[in-house]
Amino acid sequence: MSASVDPALVRQTAAALRHATRILIITGAGLSADSGLPTYRGVGGLYNGQTDDGLPIEMALSGPMLRRDPALCWKYIAQLGSACLGGRPNAAHYAIAELQRRKPECWVLTQNVDGYHRAAGSPSERLIEIHGQLAPLYCQSCGAEDPLLSEHLARPLPPLCACCNGVLRPPVVLFGEMLPELALNVLQEEMAKGFDAVLSIGTTASFPYIHEPMLRARVAGGFAAEINPSPTDHSAHMDAFLRCKALEVMDDIVSHICFD
């Protein structure tokens, strides 16, 4: 555990999670920073500001650009894919998965598209990837799936469908696109049931669908905590704010829950 973190806050957070039945863990790019991924703004947290093509990333990595200039858009999808494939889950991902094993009504809502929660063992039936994921690719023309993301990244872009020669894409939410309806529906259904405790990790929680669960939990008398190296707009309103990286405290929190 980081020496800068108050052990009392760790114990408080662990006790609240231990006594809670329904738990929601919200994760953002900060969680995967310790896996080597950048935390800049953008799809998957990979970019900030202008691209090397002189376009804002919001334009280059958008749904309209994928339709208008697939090669240019795929240039940045490929950079995102390479970054995610080049990393691996860290100890905090595994600690979260262990908590889900111990707590059968513990859910994860993630903004990340790197797939590290699944790789660490978080059960897919309690994992809401609100911004989608990188694989499998699918054809925009015929819908055929293609699982070979890493192989396509080594070939000329954009990748093409083996069935109809249409342009493939990953099931991620690009700029200008809607959030996946299924993921939103699951989130709304679970929020309607309520959560006893909400833990936000590595996200500024700037989107309504991210900060609303925290607000609902507090209004209902539940526990809300945040783990972040820097304060956010929500930090002062949390029951506990642990100013550190998730990697520094999640093992300790889960060990208190599992073995106290």
C-alpha atoms as a PDB file:
ATOM      1  CA  MET A   1       0.000   0.000   0.000  1.00  0.00           C
ATOM      2  CA  SER A   2       1.195   3.530  -0.776  1.00  0.00           C
ATOM      3  CA  ALA A   3       2.647   5.305   2.255  1.00  0.00           C
ATOM      4  CA  SER A   4       0.654   8.410   1.316  1.00  0.00           C
ATOM      5  CA  VAL A   5      -2.722   6.676   1.687  1.00  0.00           C
ATOM      6  CA  ASP A   6      -4.457   6.833   5.049  1.00  0.00           C
ATOM      7  CA  PRO A   7      -4.866   3.204   6.225  1.00  0.00           C
ATOM      8  CA  ALA A   8      -8.122   4.233   7.917  1.00  0.00           C
ATOM      9  CA  LEU A   9      -9.604   5.100   4.504  1.00  0.00           C
ATOM     10  CA  VAL A  10      -8.566   1.709   3.168  1.00  0.00           C
ATOM     11  CA  ARG A  11     -10.213  -0.038   6.120  1.00  0.00           C
ATOM     12  CA  GLN A  12     -13.325   2.149   5.795  1.00  0.00           C
ATOM     13  CA  THR A  13     -13.673   1.339   2.104  1.00  0.00           C
ATOM     14  CA  ALA A  14     -13.035  -2.361   2.665  1.00  0.00           C
ATOM     15  CA  ALA A  15     -15.587  -2.510   5.496  1.00  0.00           C
ATOM     16  CA  ALA A  16     -18.248  -0.813   3.371  1.00  0.00           C
ATOM     17  CA  LEU A  17     -17.645  -3.201   0.478  1.00  0.00           C
ATOM     18  CA  ARG A  18     -17.571  -6.207   2.800  1.00  0.00           C
ATOM     19  CA  HIS A  19     -20.972  -5.361   4.262  1.00  0.00           C
ATOM     20  CA  ALA A  20     -22.511  -4.388   0.913  1.00  0.00           C
ATOM     21  CA  THR A  21     -24.512  -6.873  -1.130  1.00  0.00           C
ATOM     22  CA  ARG A  22     -24.809  -4.992  -4.402  1.00  0.00           C
ATOM     23  CA  ILE A  23     -21.607  -3.247  -5.494  1.00  0.00           C
ATOM     24  CA  LEU A  24     -20.740  -1.244  -8.605  1.00  0.00           C
ATOM     25  CA  ILE A  25     -17.112  -0.615  -9.543  1.00  0.00           C
ATOM     26  CA  ILE A  26     -16.672   2.113 -12.167  1.00  0.00           C
ATOM     27  CA  THR A  27     -13.330   2.136 -13.986  1.00  0.00           C
ATOM     28  CA  GLY A  28     -11.667   4.536 -16.394  1.00  0.00           C
ATOM     29  CA  ALA A  29      -8.362   5.026 -18.190  1.00  0.00           C
ATOM     30  CA  GLY A  30      -6.484   5.610 -14.941  1.00  0.00           C
ATOM     31  CA  LEU A  31      -6.918   1.958 -13.981  1.00  0.00           C
ATOM     32  CA  SER A  32      -5.036   0.807 -17.070  1.00  0.00           C
ATOM     33  CA  ALA A  33      -2.313   3.454 -16.790  1.00  0.00           C
ATOM     34  CA  ASP A  34      -0.350   0.978 -14.664  1.00  0.00           C
ATOM     35  CA  SER A  35      -0.612  -1.483 -17.545  1.00  0.00           C
ATOM     36  CA  GLY A  36       1.279   0.984 -19.713  1.00  0.00           C
ATOM     37  CA  LEU A  37      -1.656   2.661 -21.464  1.00  0.00           C
ATOM     38  CA  PRO A  38      -1.739   6.473 -21.725  1.00  0.00           C
ATOM     39  CA  THR A  39      -4.556   8.324 -19.978  1.00  0.00           C
ATOM     40  CA  TYR A  40      -5.027  11.157 -22.464  1.00  0.00           C
ATOM     41  CA  ARG A  41      -8.430  12.088 -23.756  1.00  0.00           C
ATOM     42  CA  GLY A  42      -9.858  10.070 -26.608  1.00  0.00           C
ATOM     43  CA  VAL A  43     -11.353   6.692 -27.378  1.00  0.00           C
ATOM     44  CA  GLY A  44      -9.579   4.389 -24.961  1.00  0.00           C
ATOM     45  CA  GLY A  45      -7.766   7.400 -23.488  1.00  0.00           C
ATOM     46  CA  LEU A  46      -5.021   7.322 -26.121  1.00  0.00           C
ATOM     47  CA  TYR A  47      -4.936  10.815 -27.588  1.00  0.00           C
ATOM     48  CA  ASN A  48      -5.037  14.457 -26.618  1.00  0.00           C
ATOM     49  CA  GLY A  49      -5.568  17.322 -29.065  1.00  0.00           C
ATOM     50  CA  GLN A  50      -4.315  17.205 -32.664  1.00  0.00           C
ATOM     51  CA  THR A  51      -3.276  14.090 -34.552  1.00  0.00           C
ATOM     52  CA  ASP A  52      -0.165  14.040 -36.725  1.00  0.00           C
ATOM     53  CA  ASP A  53      -2.523  14.491 -39.693  1.00  0.00           C
ATOM     54  CA  GLY A  54      -3.479  17.915 -38.346  1.00  0.00           C
ATOM     55  CA  LEU A  55      -6.991  16.839 -37.392  1.00  0.00           C
ATOM     56  CA  PRO A  56      -8.573  16.862 -33.949  1.00  0.00           C
ATOM     57  CA  ILE A  57      -8.760  13.318 -32.654  1.00  0.00           C
ATOM     58  CA  GLU A  58     -12.525  13.788 -32.315  1.00  0.00           C
ATOM     59  CA  MET A  59     -12.632  14.050 -36.123  1.00  0.00           C
ATOM     60  CA  ALA A  60      -9.984  11.480 -37.073  1.00  0.00           C
ATOM     61  CA  LEU A  61     -11.333   8.769 -34.788  1.00  0.00           C
ATOM     62  CA  SER A  62     -15.024   9.227 -35.512  1.00  0.00           C
ATOM     63  CA  GLY A  63     -17.835   7.274 -37.085  1.00  0.00           C
ATOM     64  CA  PRO A  64     -18.191   9.758 -39.971  1.00  0.00           C
ATOM     65  CA  MET A  65     -14.434   9.547 -40.712  1.00  0.00           C
ATOM     66  CA  LEU A  66     -14.567   5.743 -40.754  1.00  0.00           C
ATOM     67  CA  ARG A  67     -17.210   6.003 -43.475  1.00  0.00           C
ATOM     68  CA  ARG A  68     -15.526   8.826 -45.410  1.00  0.00           C
ATOM     69  CA  ASP A  69     -11.841   7.843 -45.137  1.00  0.00           C
ATOM     70  CA  PRO A  70     -11.498   4.346 -43.639  1.00  0.00           C
ATOM     71  CA  ALA A  71      -7.710   4.261 -44.056  1.00  0.00           C
ATOM     72  CA  LEU A  72      -7.175   7.445 -42.060  1.00  0.00           C
ATOM     73  CA  CYS A  73      -9.550   6.425 -39.294  1.00  0.00           C
ATOM     74  CA  TRP A  74      -8.002   2.973 -39.122  1.00  0.00           C
ATOM     75  CA  LYS A  75      -4.560   4.517 -38.716  1.00  0.00           C
ATOM     76  CA  TYR A  76      -5.654   5.660 -35.255  1.00  0.00           C
ATOM     77  CA  ILE A  77      -7.760   2.609 -34.473  1.00  0.00           C
ATOM     78  CA  ALA A  78      -4.596   0.589 -35.152  1.00  0.00           C
ATOM     79  CA  GLN A  79      -2.562   2.723 -32.751  1.00  0.00           C
ATOM     80  CA  LEU A  80      -5.197   2.176 -30.093  1.00  0.00           C
ATOM     81  CA  GLY A  81      -5.278  -1.549 -30.818  1.00  0.00           C
ATOM     82  CA  SER A  82      -1.501  -1.889 -30.713  1.00  0.00           C
ATOM     83  CA  ALA A  83      -1.316  -0.073 -27.380  1.00  0.00           C
ATOM     84  CA  CYS A  84      -3.972  -2.304 -25.824  1.00  0.00           C
ATOM     85  CA  LEU A  85      -2.572  -5.535 -27.258  1.00  0.00           C
ATOM     86  CA  GLY A  86       0.890  -4.540 -26.035  1.00  0.00           C
ATOM     87  CA  GLY A  87      -0.218  -4.363 -22.400  1.00  0.00           C
ATOM     88  CA  ARG A  88      -1.801  -6.731 -19.917  1.00  0.00           C
ATOM     89  CA  PRO A  89      -4.019  -6.540 -16.840  1.00  0.00           C
ATOM     90  CA  ASN A  90      -2.344  -5.264 -13.684  1.00  0.00           C
ATOM     91  CA  ALA A  91      -2.830  -6.293 -10.061  1.00  0.00           C
ATOM     92  CA  ALA A  92      -5.806  -3.953  -9.638  1.00  0.00           C
ATOM     93  CA  HIS A  93      -7.692  -5.686 -12.468  1.00  0.00           C
ATOM     94  CA  TYR A  94      -7.092  -9.046 -10.795  1.00  0.00           C
ATOM     95  CA  ALA A  95      -8.134  -7.681  -7.395  1.00  0.00           C
ATOM     96  CA  ILE A  96     -11.414  -6.447  -8.892  1.00  0.00           C
ATOM     97  CA  ALA A  97     -12.021  -9.851 -10.492  1.00  0.00           C
ATOM     98  CA  GLU A  98     -11.355 -11.519  -7.121  1.00  0.00           C
ATOM     99  CA  LEU A  99     -13.854  -9.182  -5.458  1.00  0.00           C
ATOM    100  CA  GLN A 100     -16.426 -10.190  -8.063  1.00  0.00           C
ATOM    101  CA  ARG A 101     -15.767 -13.851  -7.293  1.00  0.00           C
ATOM    102  CA  ARG A 102     -16.329 -13.173  -3.596  1.00  0.00           C
ATOM    103  CA  LYS A 103     -19.336 -10.919  -4.153  1.00  0.00           C
ATOM    104  CA  PRO A 104     -21.843 -12.455  -6.604  1.00  0.00           C
ATOM    105  CA  GLU A 105     -23.678  -9.135  -7.048  1.00  0.00           C
ATOM    106  CA  CYS A 106     -20.593  -7.035  -7.722  1.00  0.00           C
ATOM    107  CA  TRP A 107     -20.701  -5.363 -11.147  1.00  0.00           C
ATOM    108  CA  VAL A 108     -18.039  -3.555 -13.177  1.00  0.00           C
ATOM    109  CA  LEU A 109     -18.906  -0.591 -15.404  1.00  0.00           C
ATOM    110  CA  THR A 110     -15.859   0.341 -17.473  1.00  0.00           C
ATOM    111  CA  GLN A 111     -15.101   3.100 -19.951  1.00  0.00           C
ATOM    112  CA  ASN A 112     -12.030   1.187 -21.117  1.00  0.00           C
ATOM    113  CA  VAL A 113     -11.908  -0.770 -24.374  1.00  0.00           C
ATOM    114  CA  ASP A 114      -8.689  -2.680 -23.663  1.00  0.00           C
ATOM    115  CA  GLY A 115     -10.403  -5.892 -22.547  1.00  0.00           C
ATOM    116  CA  TYR A 116      -8.231  -6.167 -19.428  1.00  0.00           C
ATOM    117  CA  HIS A 117     -11.163  -6.816 -17.091  1.00  0.00           C
ATOM    118  CA  ARG A 118     -12.171  -9.874 -19.109  1.00  0.00           C
ATOM    119  CA  ALA A 119      -8.559 -11.015 -19.339  1.00  0.00           C
ATOM    120  CA  ALA A 120      -8.209 -10.716 -15.552  1.00  0.00           C
ATOM    121  CA  GLY A 121     -11.251 -12.903 -14.983  1.00  0.00           C
ATOM    122  CA  SER A 122     -14.157 -10.520 -14.431  1.00  0.00           C
ATOM    123  CA  PRO A 123     -17.311 -12.467 -15.371  1.00  0.00           C
ATOM    124  CA  SER A 124     -18.767 -11.210 -18.644  1.00  0.00           C
ATOM    125  CA  GLU A 125     -22.307 -11.400 -17.261  1.00  0.00           C
ATOM    126  CA  ARG A 126     -21.415  -8.723 -14.676  1.00  0.00           C
ATOM    127  CA  LEU A 127     -19.192  -6.572 -16.891  1.00  0.00           C
ATOM    128  CA  ILE A 128     -20.604  -3.535 -18.709  1.00  0.00           C
ATOM    129  CA  GLU A 129     -18.172  -2.258 -21.350  1.00  0.00           C
ATOM    130  CA  ILE A 130     -19.998   0.983 -22.026  1.00  0.00           C
ATOM    131  CA  HIS A 131     -17.584   2.086 -24.788  1.00  0.00           C
ATOM    132  CA  GLY A 132     -17.370  -1.338 -26.417  1.00  0.00           C
ATOM    133  CA  GLN A 133     -14.301  -3.461 -27.033  1.00  0.00           C
ATOM    134  CA  LEU A 134     -11.625  -3.954 -29.681  1.00  0.00           C
ATOM    135  CA  ALA A 135     -12.527  -7.448 -30.839  1.00  0.00           C
ATOM    136  CA  PRO A 136     -13.891  -9.279 -32.641  1.00  0.00           C
ATOM    137  CA  LEU A 137     -13.883  -7.079 -35.716  1.00  0.00           C
ATOM    138  CA  TYR A 138     -16.968  -7.183 -37.882  1.00  0.00           C
ATOM    139  CA  CYS A 139     -17.806  -6.240 -41.455  1.00  0.00           C
ATOM    140  CA  GLN A 140     -19.848  -3.081 -41.874  1.00  0.00           C
ATOM    141  CA  SER A 141     -21.358  -4.491 -45.081  1.00  0.00           C
ATOM    142  CA  CYS A 142     -22.272  -8.112 -44.377  1.00  0.00           C
ATOM    143  CA  GLY A 143     -21.807  -8.368 -40.602  1.00  0.00           C
ATOM    144  CA  ALA A 144     -19.312 -11.256 -40.717  1.00  0.00           C
ATOM    145  CA  GLU A 145     -17.035 -11.431 -37.670  1.00  0.00           C
ATOM    146  CA  ASP A 146     -13.239 -11.569 -37.822  1.00  0.00           C
ATOM    147  CA  PRO A 147     -11.277 -12.329 -34.618  1.00  0.00           C
ATOM    148  CA  LEU A 148      -7.816 -11.618 -36.072  1.00  0.00           C
ATOM    149  CA  LEU A 149      -7.227  -8.058 -34.848  1.00  0.00           C
ATOM    150  CA  SER A 150      -3.498  -8.482 -34.222  1.00  0.00           C
ATOM    151  CA  GLU A 151      -2.919  -9.983 -37.675  1.00  0.00           C
ATOM    152  CA  HIS A 152      -4.806  -7.179 -39.399  1.00  0.00           C
ATOM    153  CA  LEU A 153      -2.692  -4.573 -37.601  1.00  0.00           C
ATOM    154  CA  ALA A 154       0.367  -5.946 -39.408  1.00  0.00           C
ATOM    155  CA  ARG A 155      -1.301  -5.636 -42.830  1.00  0.00           C
ATOM    156  CA  PRO A 156      -2.303  -2.680 -45.023  1.00  0.00           C
ATOM    157  CA  LEU A 157      -5.194  -0.694 -43.586  1.00  0.00           C
ATOM    158  CA  PRO A 158      -8.137  -0.640 -43.536  1.00  0.00           C
ATOM    159  CA  PRO A 159      -8.710  -4.373 -42.981  1.00  0.00           C
ATOM    160  CA  LEU A 160     -11.177  -5.928 -45.405  1.00  0.00           C
ATOM    161  CA  CYS A 161     -13.755  -8.659 -44.985  1.00  0.00           C
ATOM    162  CA  ALA A 162     -12.769 -12.084 -46.337  1.00  0.00           C
ATOM    163  CA  CYS A 163     -16.388 -12.705 -47.349  1.00  0.00           C
ATOM    164  CA  CYS A 164     -17.400  -9.547 -49.219  1.00  0.00           C
ATOM    165  CA  ASN A 165     -14.361  -7.214 -49.216  1.00  0.00           C
ATOM    166  CA  GLY A 166     -16.196  -4.686 -47.058  1.00  0.00           C
ATOM    167  CA  VAL A 167     -14.359  -2.596 -44.468  1.00  0.00           C
ATOM    168  CA  LEU A 168     -14.010  -4.185 -41.038  1.00  0.00           C
ATOM    169  CA  ARG A 169     -14.305  -2.265 -37.780  1.00  0.00           C
ATOM    170  CA  PRO A 170     -14.053  -3.000 -34.059  1.00  0.00           C
ATOM    171  CA  PRO A 171     -17.156  -2.838 -31.840  1.00  0.00           C
ATOM    172  CA  VAL A 172     -15.925   0.302 -30.064  1.00  0.00           C
ATOM    173  CA  VAL A 173     -17.802   3.571 -29.696  1.00  0.00           C
ATOM    174  CA  LEU A 174     -16.052   6.106 -31.918  1.00  0.00           C
ATOM    175  CA  PHE A 175     -16.604   9.837 -31.602  1.00  0.00           C
ATOM    176  CA  GLY A 176     -20.030  10.829 -32.875  1.00  0.00           C
ATOM    177  CA  GLU A 177     -21.521   7.372 -32.300  1.00  0.00           C
ATOM    178  CA  MET A 178     -24.188   6.201 -29.893  1.00  0.00           C
ATOM    179  CA  LEU A 179     -23.413   4.094 -26.850  1.00  0.00           C
ATOM    180  CA  PRO A 180     -24.308   0.396 -27.273  1.00  0.00           C
ATOM    181  CA  GLU A 181     -28.001  -0.066 -26.542  1.00  0.00           C
ATOM    182  CA  LEU A 182     -27.576  -3.438 -24.839  1.00  0.00           C
ATOM    183  CA  ALA A 183     -24.948  -2.110 -22.417  1.00  0.00           C
ATOM    184  CA  LEU A 184     -27.079   0.937 -21.618  1.00  0.00           C
ATOM    185  CA  ASN A 185     -30.134  -1.223 -20.985  1.00  0.00           C
ATOM    186  CA  VAL A 186     -28.220  -3.502 -18.616  1.00  0.00           C
ATOM    187  CA  LEU A 187     -26.827  -0.484 -16.760  1.00  0.00           C
ATOM    188  CA  GLN A 188     -30.278   1.057 -16.376  1.00  0.00           C
ATOM    189  CA  GLU A 189     -31.747  -2.235 -15.157  1.00  0.00           C
ATOM    190  CA  GLU A 190     -29.050  -2.675 -12.528  1.00  0.00           C
ATOM    191  CA  MET A 191     -29.228   0.961 -11.428  1.00  0.00           C
ATOM    192  CA  ALA A 192     -32.975   0.561 -10.938  1.00  0.00           C
ATOM    193  CA  LYS A 193     -32.238  -2.257  -8.470  1.00  0.00           C
ATOM    194  CA  GLY A 194     -29.880   0.048  -6.578  1.00  0.00           C
ATOM    195  CA  PHE A 195     -26.343  -0.393  -5.271  1.00  0.00           C
ATOM    196  CA  ASP A 196     -25.249  -0.456  -1.640  1.00  0.00           C
ATOM    197  CA  ALA A 197     -21.745   0.711  -2.533  1.00  0.00           C
ATOM    198  CA  VAL A 198     -20.100   2.356  -5.545  1.00  0.00           C
ATOM    199  CA  LEU A 199     -16.325   2.555  -6.076  1.00  0.00           C
ATOM    200  CA  SER A 200     -14.986   4.847  -8.814  1.00  0.00           C
ATOM    201  CA  ILE A 201     -11.444   4.111 -10.029  1.00  0.00           C
ATOM    202  CA  GLY A 202      -9.303   6.126 -12.432  1.00  0.00           C
ATOM    203  CA  THR A 203     -12.045   8.193 -14.043  1.00  0.00           C
ATOM    204  CA  THR A 204     -13.147  11.816 -13.860  1.00  0.00           C
ATOM    205  CA  ALA A 205     -16.741  10.541 -14.097  1.00  0.00           C
ATOM    206  CA  SER A 206     -17.612  13.462 -16.356  1.00  0.00           C
ATOM    207  CA  PHE A 207     -20.362  11.650 -18.273  1.00  0.00           C
ATOM    208  CA  PRO A 208     -23.862  11.386 -16.745  1.00  0.00           C
ATOM    209  CA  TYR A 209     -23.982   7.613 -17.183  1.00  0.00           C
ATOM    210  CA  ILE A 210     -20.780   7.396 -15.108  1.00  0.00           C
ATOM    211  CA  HIS A 211     -21.462   9.786 -12.241  1.00  0.00           C
ATOM    212  CA  GLU A 212     -25.207   9.096 -11.911  1.00  0.00           C
ATOM    213  CA  PRO A 213     -24.704   5.719 -10.160  1.00  0.00           C
ATOM    214  CA  MET A 214     -22.469   7.408  -7.559  1.00  0.00           C
ATOM    215  CA  LEU A 215     -25.038  10.113  -6.888  1.00  0.00           C
ATOM    216  CA  ARG A 216     -27.877   7.598  -6.658  1.00  0.00           C
ATOM    217  CA  ALA A 217     -25.974   5.475  -4.158  1.00  0.00           C
ATOM    218  CA  ARG A 218     -25.316   8.435  -1.881  1.00  0.00           C
ATOM    219  CA  VAL A 219     -28.896   9.714  -2.071  1.00  0.00           C
ATOM    220  CA  ALA A 220     -30.122   6.244  -1.107  1.00  0.00           C
ATOM    221  CA  GLY A 221     -27.800   6.159   1.895  1.00  0.00           C
ATOM    222  CA  GLY A 222     -25.196   3.918   0.308  1.00  0.00           C
ATOM    223  CA  PHE A 223     -21.408   4.213   0.341  1.00  0.00           C
ATOM    224  CA  ALA A 224     -19.432   5.969  -2.405  1.00  0.00           C
ATOM    225  CA  ALA A 225     -15.639   6.011  -2.681  1.00  0.00           C
ATOM    226  CA  GLU A 226     -13.102   7.148  -5.251  1.00  0.00           C
ATOM    227  CA  ILE A 227      -9.550   6.055  -6.039  1.00  0.00           C
ATOM    228  CA  ASN A 228      -7.635   8.573  -8.138  1.00  0.00           C
ATOM    229  CA  PRO A 229      -4.146  10.124  -8.076  1.00  0.00           C
ATOM    230  CA  SER A 230      -5.722  13.591  -8.434  1.00  0.00           C
ATOM    231  CA  PRO A 231      -9.017  15.015  -7.131  1.00  0.00           C
ATOM    232  CA  THR A 232     -12.000  15.232  -9.483  1.00  0.00           C
ATOM    233  CA  ASP A 233     -15.205  17.246  -9.326  1.00  0.00           C
ATOM    234  CA  HIS A 234     -16.718  14.421  -7.271  1.00  0.00           C
ATOM    235  CA  SER A 235     -13.920  13.752  -4.777  1.00  0.00           C
ATOM    236  CA  ALA A 236     -15.170  16.129  -2.079  1.00  0.00           C
ATOM    237  CA  HIS A 237     -18.600  14.479  -2.126  1.00  0.00           C
ATOM    238  CA  MET A 238     -17.334  10.930  -1.596  1.00  0.00           C
ATOM    239  CA  ASP A 239     -17.517   9.051   1.699  1.00  0.00           C
ATOM    240  CA  ALA A 240     -13.870   8.169   1.103  1.00  0.00           C
ATOM    241  CA  PHE A 241     -11.336   9.593  -1.357  1.00  0.00           C
ATOM    242  CA  LEU A 242      -8.134   7.577  -1.701  1.00  0.00           C
ATOM    243  CA  ARG A 243      -5.626   9.788  -3.474  1.00  0.00           C
ATOM    244  CA  CYS A 244      -3.446   7.173  -5.125  1.00  0.00           C
ATOM    245  CA  LYS A 245      -3.302   4.663  -7.952  1.00  0.00           C
ATOM    246  CA  ALA A 246      -5.602   1.655  -7.817  1.00  0.00           C
ATOM    247  CA  LEU A 247      -2.530  -0.554  -8.120  1.00  0.00           C
ATOM    248  CA  GLU A 248      -1.365   0.763  -4.742  1.00  0.00           C
ATOM    249  CA  VAL A 249      -4.477  -0.112  -2.724  1.00  0.00           C
ATOM    250  CA  MET A 250      -6.829  -2.573  -4.426  1.00  0.00           C
ATOM    251  CA  ASP A 251      -5.000  -5.671  -3.192  1.00  0.00           C
ATOM    252  CA  ASP A 252      -5.172  -4.335   0.369  1.00  0.00           C
ATOM    253  CA  ILE A 253      -8.853  -3.456   0.086  1.00  0.00           C
ATOM    254  CA  VAL A 254      -9.770  -6.874  -1.259  1.00  0.00           C
ATOM    255  CA  SER A 255      -7.603  -8.696   1.291  1.00  0.00           C
ATOM    256  CA  HIS A 256      -9.454  -6.876   4.101  1.00  0.00           C
ATOM    257  CA  ILE A 257     -12.775  -7.886   2.540  1.00  0.00           C
ATOM    258  CA  CYS A 258     -11.834 -11.516   2.019  1.00  0.00           C
ATOM    259  CA  PHE A 259      -9.877 -12.294   5.141  1.00  0.00           C
ATOM    260  CA  ASP A 260     -10.956  -9.952   7.964  1.00  0.00           C
END
